[in-house]
Structure formats: C-alpha cells, structure tokens
PDB file of N, CA and C in Angstrom:
ATOM      1  N   MET A   1     -10.341 -24.591 -16.389  1.00  0.00           N
ATOM      2  CA  MET A   1      -9.657 -23.806 -15.381  1.00  0.00           C
ATOM      3  C   MET A   1      -9.205 -22.457 -15.930  1.00  0.00           C
ATOM      4  N   ALA A   2      -8.747 -22.461 -17.175  1.00  0.00           N
ATOM      5  CA  ALA A   2      -8.292 -21.214 -17.786  1.00  0.00           C
ATOM      6  C   ALA A   2      -9.444 -20.219 -17.945  1.00  0.00           C
ATOM      7  N   ALA A   3     -10.644 -20.714 -18.207  1.00  0.00           N
ATOM      8  CA  ALA A   3     -11.793 -19.821 -18.362  1.00  0.00           C
ATOM      9  C   ALA A   3     -12.117 -19.115 -17.048  1.00  0.00           C
ATOM     10  N   ILE A   4     -12.008 -19.817 -15.946  1.00  0.00           N
ATOM     11  CA  ILE A   4     -12.264 -19.210 -14.640  1.00  0.00           C
ATOM     12  C   ILE A   4     -11.197 -18.167 -14.326  1.00  0.00           C
ATOM     13  N   LEU A   5      -9.948 -18.497 -14.626  1.00  0.00           N
ATOM     14  CA  LEU A   5      -8.871 -17.530 -14.404  1.00  0.00           C
ATOM     15  C   LEU A   5      -9.033 -16.299 -15.289  1.00  0.00           C
ATOM     16  N   ASP A   6      -9.467 -16.514 -16.534  1.00  0.00           N
ATOM     17  CA  ASP A   6      -9.721 -15.379 -17.421  1.00  0.00           C
ATOM     18  C   ASP A   6     -10.820 -14.483 -16.860  1.00  0.00           C
ATOM     19  N   LEU A   7     -11.869 -15.085 -16.331  1.00  0.00           N
ATOM     20  CA  LEU A   7     -12.963 -14.320 -15.748  1.00  0.00           C
ATOM     21  C   LEU A   7     -12.485 -13.521 -14.534  1.00  0.00           C
ATOM     22  N   ILE A   8     -11.678 -14.144 -13.690  1.00  0.00           N
ATOM     23  CA  ILE A   8     -11.129 -13.440 -12.531  1.00  0.00           C
ATOM     24  C   ILE A   8     -10.256 -12.274 -12.967  1.00  0.00           C
ATOM     25  N   MET A   9      -9.439 -12.491 -13.984  1.00  0.00           N
ATOM     26  CA  MET A   9      -8.571 -11.413 -14.482  1.00  0.00           C
ATOM     27  C   MET A   9      -9.391 -10.247 -15.035  1.00  0.00           C
ATOM     28  N   VAL A  10     -10.483 -10.543 -15.735  1.00  0.00           N
ATOM     29  CA  VAL A  10     -11.343  -9.483 -16.275  1.00  0.00           C
ATOM     30  C   VAL A  10     -12.004  -8.708 -15.136  1.00  0.00           C
ATOM     31  N   VAL A  11     -12.470  -9.408 -14.119  1.00  0.00           N
ATOM     32  CA  VAL A  11     -13.094  -8.737 -12.980  1.00  0.00           C
ATOM     33  C   VAL A  11     -12.079  -7.848 -12.260  1.00  0.00           C
ATOM     34  N   LEU A  12     -10.849  -8.343 -12.100  1.00  0.00           N
ATOM     35  CA  LEU A  12      -9.807  -7.523 -11.473  1.00  0.00           C
ATOM     36  C   LEU A  12      -9.475  -6.300 -12.311  1.00  0.00           C
ATOM     37  N   ARG A  13      -9.458  -6.437 -13.623  1.00  0.00           N
ATOM     38  CA  ARG A  13      -9.167  -5.303 -14.504  1.00  0.00           C
ATOM     39  C   ARG A  13     -10.302  -4.269 -14.439  1.00  0.00           C
ATOM     40  N   ILE A  14     -11.550  -4.727 -14.415  1.00  0.00           N
ATOM     41  CA  ILE A  14     -12.689  -3.813 -14.292  1.00  0.00           C
ATOM     42  C   ILE A  14     -12.637  -3.090 -12.950  1.00  0.00           C
ATOM     43  N   ALA A  15     -12.304  -3.819 -11.883  1.00  0.00           N
ATOM     44  CA  ALA A  15     -12.188  -3.196 -10.565  1.00  0.00           C
ATOM     45  C   ALA A  15     -11.100  -2.132 -10.563  1.00  0.00           C
ATOM     46  N   THR A  16     -10.003  -2.383 -11.266  1.00  0.00           N
ATOM     47  CA  THR A  16      -8.926  -1.401 -11.364  1.00  0.00           C
ATOM     48  C   THR A  16      -9.435  -0.110 -12.007  1.00  0.00           C
ATOM     49  N   PHE A  17     -10.160  -0.242 -13.110  1.00  0.00           N
ATOM     50  CA  PHE A  17     -10.685   0.943 -13.785  1.00  0.00           C
ATOM     51  C   PHE A  17     -11.688   1.689 -12.907  1.00  0.00           C
ATOM     52  N   ILE A  18     -12.539   0.969 -12.203  1.00  0.00           N
ATOM     53  CA  ILE A  18     -13.524   1.610 -11.332  1.00  0.00           C
ATOM     54  C   ILE A  18     -12.825   2.386 -10.226  1.00  0.00           C
ATOM     55  N   ILE A  19     -11.791   1.809  -9.632  1.00  0.00           N
ATOM     56  CA  ILE A  19     -11.068   2.480  -8.553  1.00  0.00           C
ATOM     57  C   ILE A  19     -10.370   3.727  -9.073  1.00  0.00           C
ATOM     58  N   ILE A  20      -9.763   3.640 -10.245  1.00  0.00           N
ATOM     59  CA  ILE A  20      -9.081   4.809 -10.811  1.00  0.00           C
ATOM     60  C   ILE A  20     -10.086   5.911 -11.139  1.00  0.00           C
ATOM     61  N   ILE A  21     -11.212   5.552 -11.728  1.00  0.00           N
ATOM     62  CA  ILE A  21     -12.245   6.539 -12.054  1.00  0.00           C
ATOM     63  C   ILE A  21     -12.769   7.190 -10.780  1.00  0.00           C
ATOM     64  N   GLN A  22     -12.991   6.395  -9.738  1.00  0.00           N
ATOM     65  CA  GLN A  22     -13.486   6.939  -8.479  1.00  0.00           C
ATOM     66  C   GLN A  22     -12.468   7.879  -7.843  1.00  0.00           C
ATOM     67  N   ALA A  23     -11.189   7.536  -7.918  1.00  0.00           N
ATOM     68  CA  ALA A  23     -10.149   8.399  -7.344  1.00  0.00           C
ATOM     69  C   ALA A  23     -10.062   9.729  -8.096  1.00  0.00           C
ATOM     70  N   VAL A  24     -10.096   9.674  -9.421  1.00  0.00           N
ATOM     71  CA  VAL A  24     -10.041  10.908 -10.216  1.00  0.00           C
ATOM     72  C   VAL A  24     -11.279  11.763  -9.959  1.00  0.00           C
ATOM     73  N   LEU A  25     -12.438  11.129  -9.881  1.00  0.00           N
ATOM     74  CA  LEU A  25     -13.660  11.878  -9.612  1.00  0.00           C
ATOM     75  C   LEU A  25     -13.601  12.526  -8.226  1.00  0.00           C
ATOM     76  N   SER A  26     -13.027  11.836  -7.236  1.00  0.00           N
ATOM     77  CA  SER A  26     -12.926  12.433  -5.904  1.00  0.00           C
ATOM     78  C   SER A  26     -12.001  13.646  -5.920  1.00  0.00           C
ATOM     79  N   TRP A  27     -10.948  13.598  -6.734  1.00  0.00           N
ATOM     80  CA  TRP A  27     -10.071  14.767  -6.865  1.00  0.00           C
ATOM     81  C   TRP A  27     -10.823  15.922  -7.518  1.00  0.00           C
ATOM     82  N   LEU A  28     -11.579  15.637  -8.570  1.00  0.00           N
ATOM     83  CA  LEU A  28     -12.326  16.691  -9.256  1.00  0.00           C
ATOM     84  C   LEU A  28     -13.363  17.321  -8.340  1.00  0.00           C
ATOM     85  N   VAL A  29     -14.008  16.503  -7.512  1.00  0.00           N
ATOM     86  CA  VAL A  29     -14.983  17.039  -6.565  1.00  0.00           C
ATOM     87  C   VAL A  29     -14.246  17.806  -5.463  1.00  0.00           C
ATOM     88  N   GLY A  30     -13.133  17.284  -5.001  1.00  0.00           N
ATOM     89  CA  GLY A  30     -12.382  17.935  -3.936  1.00  0.00           C
ATOM     90  C   GLY A  30     -11.820  19.281  -4.335  1.00  0.00           C
ATOM     91  N   PHE A  31     -11.456  19.460  -5.601  1.00  0.00           N
ATOM     92  CA  PHE A  31     -10.910  20.723  -6.085  1.00  0.00           C
ATOM     93  C   PHE A  31     -11.980  21.603  -6.731  1.00  0.00           C
ATOM     94  N   ASN A  32     -13.244  21.267  -6.525  1.00  0.00           N
ATOM     95  CA  ASN A  32     -14.396  22.036  -7.010  1.00  0.00           C
ATOM     96  C   ASN A  32     -14.422  22.200  -8.524  1.00  0.00           C
ATOM     97  N   VAL A  33     -13.881  21.228  -9.241  1.00  0.00           N
ATOM     98  CA  VAL A  33     -14.022  21.229 -10.693  1.00  0.00           C
ATOM     99  C   VAL A  33     -15.414  20.715 -11.046  1.00  0.00           C
ATOM    100  N   LEU A  34     -15.859  19.702 -10.302  1.00  0.00           N
ATOM    101  CA  LEU A  34     -17.218  19.180 -10.439  1.00  0.00           C
ATOM    102  C   LEU A  34     -17.952  19.407  -9.130  1.00  0.00           C
ATOM    103  N   SER A  35     -19.256  19.613  -9.231  1.00  0.00           N
ATOM    104  CA  SER A  35     -20.057  19.864  -8.043  1.00  0.00           C
ATOM    105  C   SER A  35     -20.984  18.685  -7.782  1.00  0.00           C
ATOM    106  N   ILE A  36     -21.076  18.296  -6.519  1.00  0.00           N
ATOM    107  CA  ILE A  36     -21.990  17.228  -6.125  1.00  0.00           C
ATOM    108  C   ILE A  36     -23.442  17.689  -6.260  1.00  0.00           C
ATOM    109  N   GLN A  37     -23.674  18.993  -6.367  1.00  0.00           N
ATOM    110  CA  GLN A  37     -25.032  19.513  -6.537  1.00  0.00           C
ATOM    111  C   GLN A  37     -25.620  19.130  -7.889  1.00  0.00           C
ATOM    112  N   ASN A  38     -24.758  18.838  -8.862  1.00  0.00           N
ATOM    113  CA  ASN A  38     -25.209  18.397 -10.177  1.00  0.00           C
ATOM    114  C   ASN A  38     -25.770  16.976 -10.039  1.00  0.00           C
ATOM    115  N   PRO A  39     -27.011  16.725 -10.487  1.00  0.00           N
ATOM    116  CA  PRO A  39     -27.618  15.397 -10.308  1.00  0.00           C
ATOM    117  C   PRO A  39     -26.849  14.272 -11.012  1.00  0.00           C
ATOM    118  N   THR A  40     -26.274  14.552 -12.164  1.00  0.00           N
ATOM    119  CA  THR A  40     -25.517  13.523 -12.882  1.00  0.00           C
ATOM    120  C   THR A  40     -24.249  13.155 -12.115  1.00  0.00           C
ATOM    121  N   VAL A  41     -23.528  14.152 -11.667  1.00  0.00           N
ATOM    122  CA  VAL A  41     -22.306  13.908 -10.897  1.00  0.00           C
ATOM    123  C   VAL A  41     -22.659  13.197  -9.595  1.00  0.00           C
ATOM    124  N   ARG A  42     -23.739  13.623  -8.949  1.00  0.00           N
ATOM    125  CA  ARG A  42     -24.152  13.006  -7.693  1.00  0.00           C
ATOM    126  C   ARG A  42     -24.514  11.536  -7.877  1.00  0.00           C
ATOM    127  N   SER A  43     -25.194  11.203  -8.972  1.00  0.00           N
ATOM    128  CA  SER A  43     -25.568   9.803  -9.192  1.00  0.00           C
ATOM    129  C   SER A  43     -24.346   8.949  -9.530  1.00  0.00           C
ATOM    130  N   ILE A  44     -23.432   9.478 -10.325  1.00  0.00           N
ATOM    131  CA  ILE A  44     -22.199   8.741 -10.634  1.00  0.00           C
ATOM    132  C   ILE A  44     -21.380   8.563  -9.362  1.00  0.00           C
ATOM    133  N   TRP A  45     -21.234   9.638  -8.588  1.00  0.00           N
ATOM    134  CA  TRP A  45     -20.469   9.587  -7.344  1.00  0.00           C
ATOM    135  C   TRP A  45     -21.082   8.571  -6.375  1.00  0.00           C
ATOM    136  N   GLY A  46     -22.396   8.597  -6.237  1.00  0.00           N
ATOM    137  CA  GLY A  46     -23.071   7.653  -5.332  1.00  0.00           C
ATOM    138  C   GLY A  46     -22.913   6.215  -5.783  1.00  0.00           C
ATOM    139  N   GLY A  47     -23.013   5.987  -7.088  1.00  0.00           N
ATOM    140  CA  GLY A  47     -22.835   4.628  -7.606  1.00  0.00           C
ATOM    141  C   GLY A  47     -21.436   4.104  -7.374  1.00  0.00           C
ATOM    142  N   LEU A  48     -20.443   4.944  -7.636  1.00  0.00           N
ATOM    143  CA  LEU A  48     -19.058   4.525  -7.411  1.00  0.00           C
ATOM    144  C   LEU A  48     -18.780   4.304  -5.926  1.00  0.00           C
ATOM    145  N   GLN A  49     -19.368   5.124  -5.066  1.00  0.00           N
ATOM    146  CA  GLN A  49     -19.201   4.934  -3.621  1.00  0.00           C
ATOM    147  C   GLN A  49     -19.803   3.604  -3.176  1.00  0.00           C
ATOM    148  N   ARG A  50     -20.985   3.263  -3.706  1.00  0.00           N
ATOM    149  CA  ARG A  50     -21.623   2.002  -3.335  1.00  0.00           C
ATOM    150  C   ARG A  50     -20.829   0.796  -3.814  1.00  0.00           C
ATOM    151  N   ILE A  51     -20.133   0.949  -4.928  1.00  0.00           N
ATOM    152  CA  ILE A  51     -19.325  -0.160  -5.462  1.00  0.00           C
ATOM    153  C   ILE A  51     -18.024  -0.306  -4.681  1.00  0.00           C
ATOM    154  N   THR A  52     -17.353   0.804  -4.394  1.00  0.00           N
ATOM    155  CA  THR A  52     -16.010   0.726  -3.812  1.00  0.00           C
ATOM    156  C   THR A  52     -15.994   0.663  -2.284  1.00  0.00           C
ATOM    157  N   GLU A  53     -16.992   1.181  -1.635  1.00  0.00           N
ATOM    158  CA  GLU A  53     -16.955   1.246  -0.169  1.00  0.00           C
ATOM    159  C   GLU A  53     -16.865  -0.131   0.499  1.00  0.00           C
ATOM    160  N   PRO A  54     -17.565  -1.171   0.044  1.00  0.00           N
ATOM    161  CA  PRO A  54     -17.384  -2.482   0.692  1.00  0.00           C
ATOM    162  C   PRO A  54     -15.960  -3.024   0.578  1.00  0.00           C
ATOM    163  N   VAL A  55     -15.243  -2.637  -0.459  1.00  0.00           N
ATOM    164  CA  VAL A  55     -13.851  -3.066  -0.612  1.00  0.00           C
ATOM    165  C   VAL A  55     -12.941  -2.207   0.259  1.00  0.00           C
ATOM    166  N   TYR A  56     -13.233  -0.924   0.350  1.00  0.00           N
ATOM    167  CA  TYR A  56     -12.386   0.001   1.101  1.00  0.00           C
ATOM    168  C   TYR A  56     -12.534  -0.153   2.615  1.00  0.00           C
ATOM    169  N   ARG A  57     -13.728  -0.472   3.096  1.00  0.00           N
ATOM    170  CA  ARG A  57     -14.006  -0.453   4.531  1.00  0.00           C
ATOM    171  C   ARG A  57     -13.050  -1.329   5.345  1.00  0.00           C
ATOM    172  N   PRO A  58     -12.797  -2.602   4.974  1.00  0.00           N
ATOM    173  CA  PRO A  58     -11.873  -3.398   5.800  1.00  0.00           C
ATOM    174  C   PRO A  58     -10.450  -2.842   5.798  1.00  0.00           C
ATOM    175  N   ILE A  59     -10.033  -2.261   4.690  1.00  0.00           N
ATOM    176  CA  ILE A  59      -8.677  -1.714   4.621  1.00  0.00           C
ATOM    177  C   ILE A  59      -8.591  -0.423   5.419  1.00  0.00           C
ATOM    178  N   ARG A  60      -9.640   0.373   5.407  1.00  0.00           N
ATOM    179  CA  ARG A  60      -9.648   1.599   6.212  1.00  0.00           C
ATOM    180  C   ARG A  60      -9.604   1.281   7.703  1.00  0.00           C
ATOM    181  N   ASN A  61     -10.167   0.133   8.095  1.00  0.00           N
ATOM    182  CA  ASN A  61     -10.102  -0.265   9.501  1.00  0.00           C
ATOM    183  C   ASN A  61      -8.681  -0.646   9.902  1.00  0.00           C
ATOM    184  N   ILE A  62      -7.873  -1.113   8.956  1.00  0.00           N
ATOM    185  CA  ILE A  62      -6.502  -1.536   9.248  1.00  0.00           C
ATOM    186  C   ILE A  62      -5.534  -0.363   9.176  1.00  0.00           C
ATOM    187  N   LEU A  63      -5.687   0.495   8.163  1.00  0.00           N
ATOM    188  CA  LEU A  63      -4.771   1.622   7.981  1.00  0.00           C
ATOM    189  C   LEU A  63      -4.959   2.667   9.085  1.00  0.00           C
ATOM    190  N   PRO A  64      -3.864   3.240   9.572  1.00  0.00           N
ATOM    191  CA  PRO A  64      -4.012   4.303  10.572  1.00  0.00           C
ATOM    192  C   PRO A  64      -4.517   5.582   9.904  1.00  0.00           C
ATOM    193  N   PRO A  65      -5.174   6.461  10.658  1.00  0.00           N
ATOM    194  CA  PRO A  65      -5.627   7.734  10.088  1.00  0.00           C
ATOM    195  C   PRO A  65      -4.436   8.571   9.626  1.00  0.00           C
ATOM    196  N   MET A  66      -4.563   9.142   8.431  1.00  0.00           N
ATOM    197  CA  MET A  66      -3.466   9.914   7.844  1.00  0.00           C
ATOM    198  C   MET A  66      -3.861  11.376   7.654  1.00  0.00           C
ATOM    199  N   GLY A  67      -4.764  11.871   8.443  1.00  0.00           N
ATOM    200  CA  GLY A  67      -5.226  13.242   8.257  1.00  0.00           C
ATOM    201  C   GLY A  67      -6.215  13.285   7.109  1.00  0.00           C
ATOM    202  N   GLY A  68      -5.967  14.124   6.119  1.00  0.00           N
ATOM    203  CA  GLY A  68      -6.850  14.226   4.968  1.00  0.00           C
ATOM    204  C   GLY A  68      -6.458  13.322   3.819  1.00  0.00           C
ATOM    205  N   LEU A  69      -5.417  12.519   3.992  1.00  0.00           N
ATOM    206  CA  LEU A  69      -4.897  11.673   2.925  1.00  0.00           C
ATOM    207  C   LEU A  69      -5.478  10.272   3.043  1.00  0.00           C
ATOM    208  N   ASP A  70      -6.125   9.802   1.980  1.00  0.00           N
ATOM    209  CA  ASP A  70      -6.710   8.464   1.962  1.00  0.00           C
ATOM    210  C   ASP A  70      -5.887   7.586   1.019  1.00  0.00           C
ATOM    211  N   LEU A  71      -5.151   6.662   1.593  1.00  0.00           N
ATOM    212  CA  LEU A  71      -4.319   5.765   0.802  1.00  0.00           C
ATOM    213  C   LEU A  71      -5.025   4.454   0.460  1.00  0.00           C
ATOM    214  N   THR A  72      -6.282   4.321   0.830  1.00  0.00           N
ATOM    215  CA  THR A  72      -7.008   3.081   0.610  1.00  0.00           C
ATOM    216  C   THR A  72      -7.065   2.677  -0.858  1.00  0.00           C
ATOM    217  N   PRO A  73      -7.377   3.569  -1.815  1.00  0.00           N
ATOM    218  CA  PRO A  73      -7.398   3.126  -3.207  1.00  0.00           C
ATOM    219  C   PRO A  73      -6.049   2.600  -3.687  1.00  0.00           C
ATOM    220  N   MET A  74      -4.963   3.217  -3.231  1.00  0.00           N
ATOM    221  CA  MET A  74      -3.645   2.757  -3.636  1.00  0.00           C
ATOM    222  C   MET A  74      -3.355   1.362  -3.075  1.00  0.00           C
ATOM    223  N   VAL A  75      -3.758   1.116  -1.840  1.00  0.00           N
ATOM    224  CA  VAL A  75      -3.552  -0.199  -1.238  1.00  0.00           C
ATOM    225  C   VAL A  75      -4.373  -1.247  -1.977  1.00  0.00           C
ATOM    226  N   VAL A  76      -5.616  -0.911  -2.309  1.00  0.00           N
ATOM    227  CA  VAL A  76      -6.466  -1.860  -3.045  1.00  0.00           C
ATOM    228  C   VAL A  76      -5.875  -2.143  -4.427  1.00  0.00           C
ATOM    229  N   LEU A  77      -5.381  -1.129  -5.103  1.00  0.00           N
ATOM    230  CA  LEU A  77      -4.759  -1.347  -6.407  1.00  0.00           C
ATOM    231  C   LEU A  77      -3.512  -2.217  -6.290  1.00  0.00           C
ATOM    232  N   LEU A  78      -2.710  -2.024  -5.265  1.00  0.00           N
ATOM    233  CA  LEU A  78      -1.539  -2.876  -5.060  1.00  0.00           C
ATOM    234  C   LEU A  78      -1.942  -4.330  -4.821  1.00  0.00           C
ATOM    235  N   ILE A  79      -3.011  -4.545  -4.074  1.00  0.00           N
ATOM    236  CA  ILE A  79      -3.505  -5.901  -3.847  1.00  0.00           C
ATOM    237  C   ILE A  79      -3.993  -6.513  -5.159  1.00  0.00           C
ATOM    238  N   ILE A  80      -4.704  -5.734  -5.964  1.00  0.00           N
ATOM    239  CA  ILE A  80      -5.190  -6.227  -7.257  1.00  0.00           C
ATOM    240  C   ILE A  80      -4.019  -6.582  -8.164  1.00  0.00           C
ATOM    241  N   PHE A  81      -3.010  -5.716  -8.240  1.00  0.00           N
ATOM    242  CA  PHE A  81      -1.848  -6.000  -9.081  1.00  0.00           C
ATOM    243  C   PHE A  81      -1.122  -7.255  -8.604  1.00  0.00           C
ATOM    244  N   PHE A  82      -1.016  -7.427  -7.288  1.00  0.00           N
ATOM    245  CA  PHE A  82      -0.391  -8.626  -6.743  1.00  0.00           C
ATOM    246  C   PHE A  82      -1.175  -9.873  -7.135  1.00  0.00           C
ATOM    247  N   LEU A  83      -2.507  -9.817  -7.008  1.00  0.00           N
ATOM    248  CA  LEU A  83      -3.337 -10.969  -7.388  1.00  0.00           C
ATOM    249  C   LEU A  83      -3.211 -11.295  -8.872  1.00  0.00           C
ATOM    250  N   GLU A  84      -3.141 -10.263  -9.714  1.00  0.00           N
ATOM    251  CA  GLU A  84      -2.960 -10.500 -11.143  1.00  0.00           C
ATOM    252  C   GLU A  84      -1.637 -11.203 -11.427  1.00  0.00           C
ATOM    253  N   ARG A  85      -0.588 -10.788 -10.738  1.00  0.00           N
ATOM    254  CA  ARG A  85       0.725 -11.410 -10.950  1.00  0.00           C
ATOM    255  C   ARG A  85       0.738 -12.850 -10.455  1.00  0.00           C
ATOM    256  N   VAL A  86       0.087 -13.104  -9.318  1.00  0.00           N
ATOM    257  CA  VAL A  86       0.023 -14.473  -8.790  1.00  0.00           C
ATOM    258  C   VAL A  86      -0.755 -15.368  -9.743  1.00  0.00           C
ATOM    259  N   ILE A  87      -1.858 -14.872 -10.267  1.00  0.00           N
ATOM    260  CA  ILE A  87      -2.647 -15.674 -11.216  1.00  0.00           C
ATOM    261  C   ILE A  87      -1.850 -15.924 -12.485  1.00  0.00           C
ATOM    262  N   ALA A  88      -1.179 -14.899 -12.981  1.00  0.00           N
ATOM    263  CA  ALA A  88      -0.387 -15.079 -14.206  1.00  0.00           C
ATOM    264  C   ALA A  88       0.745 -16.065 -13.985  1.00  0.00           C
ATOM    265  N   ARG A  89       1.373 -15.997 -12.840  1.00  0.00           N
ATOM    266  CA  ARG A  89       2.540 -16.848 -12.567  1.00  0.00           C
ATOM    267  C   ARG A  89       2.139 -18.303 -12.301  1.00  0.00           C
ATOM    268  N   TYR A  90       1.192 -18.496 -11.392  1.00  0.00           N
ATOM    269  CA  TYR A  90       0.854 -19.859 -10.960  1.00  0.00           C
ATOM    270  C   TYR A  90      -0.344 -20.445 -11.674  1.00  0.00           C
ATOM    271  N   GLY A  91      -1.219 -19.602 -12.180  1.00  0.00           N
ATOM    272  CA  GLY A  91      -2.392 -20.112 -12.896  1.00  0.00           C
ATOM    273  C   GLY A  91      -2.083 -20.419 -14.348  1.00  0.00           C
ATOM    274  N   TYR A  92      -1.373 -19.502 -14.994  1.00  0.00           N
ATOM    275  CA  TYR A  92      -1.054 -19.653 -16.404  1.00  0.00           C
ATOM    276  C   TYR A  92       0.357 -20.169 -16.629  1.00  0.00           C
ATOM    277  N   GLY A  93       1.223 -20.037 -15.646  1.00  0.00           N
ATOM    278  CA  GLY A  93       2.620 -20.428 -15.807  1.00  0.00           C
ATOM    279  C   GLY A  93       3.440 -19.423 -16.592  1.00  0.00           C
ATOM    280  N   VAL A  94       2.965 -18.180 -16.642  1.00  0.00           N
ATOM    281  CA  VAL A  94       3.649 -17.118 -17.364  1.00  0.00           C
ATOM    282  C   VAL A  94       4.383 -16.250 -16.354  1.00  0.00           C
ATOM    283  N   VAL A  95       5.617 -15.923 -16.649  1.00  0.00           N
ATOM    284  CA  VAL A  95       6.367 -15.033 -15.770  1.00  0.00           C
ATOM    285  C   VAL A  95       6.026 -13.598 -16.166  1.00  0.00           C
ATOM    286  N   PRO A  96       5.309 -12.850 -15.273  1.00  0.00           N
ATOM    287  CA  PRO A  96       4.975 -11.466 -15.626  1.00  0.00           C
ATOM    288  C   PRO A  96       6.212 -10.590 -15.596  1.00  0.00           C
ATOM    289  N   PHE A  97       6.141  -9.488 -16.302  1.00  0.00           N
ATOM    290  CA  PHE A  97       7.280  -8.585 -16.422  1.00  0.00           C
ATOM    291  C   PHE A  97       7.720  -8.052 -15.123  1.00  0.00           C
TER     292      PHE A  97
END
C-alpha cells in the first residue's frame, strides 16, 4: 500500500512542477520575453498545453470568467496540495505541517 501511495505522491509532485513551469512560460510569452514563433518555444508550449489542458478544462467550466485573469492553475495546485495532505495524514499517518 505504501508503494502505491509513494507513486501517487510522485505523480502529484511532477504535476505540480509541470503546472508551475507552464504558468511561468505563459507569463514569459504574455510579456513578450519569449516568442511563440520560435520552434523550440512553440513545441514546449504545445506539449505543456496538451498535458495541462485536460486537467484545466473541467475547472474552467466551473470557475466564472475573470476577464484576462486565469485562476485555474492556482485552483489545480490547491487541489494537489490538499490531496498530498490527505494522503500524508490518512495514508501514512503523518501529521503534515
């Protein structure tokens, strides 16, 4: 059972890093620090979009439109942090900080 929980925790941690990288990259593209015209940036951007969009889509359907502000990554990160705490508390019996 602990091995399965460890695997879930690793997947959640990887998802956290992917979401943070995607958010930072979107800021860099939005402020014209990086250009989507660059093939390397475009391929990285497309790959991250394909990974994160299936997770973001159901939450975007629930959240009301906020103009140009997208809070979806923050909501997904909060859900991931909550799941990590629940697994640590009830799966391992450890009280997280």
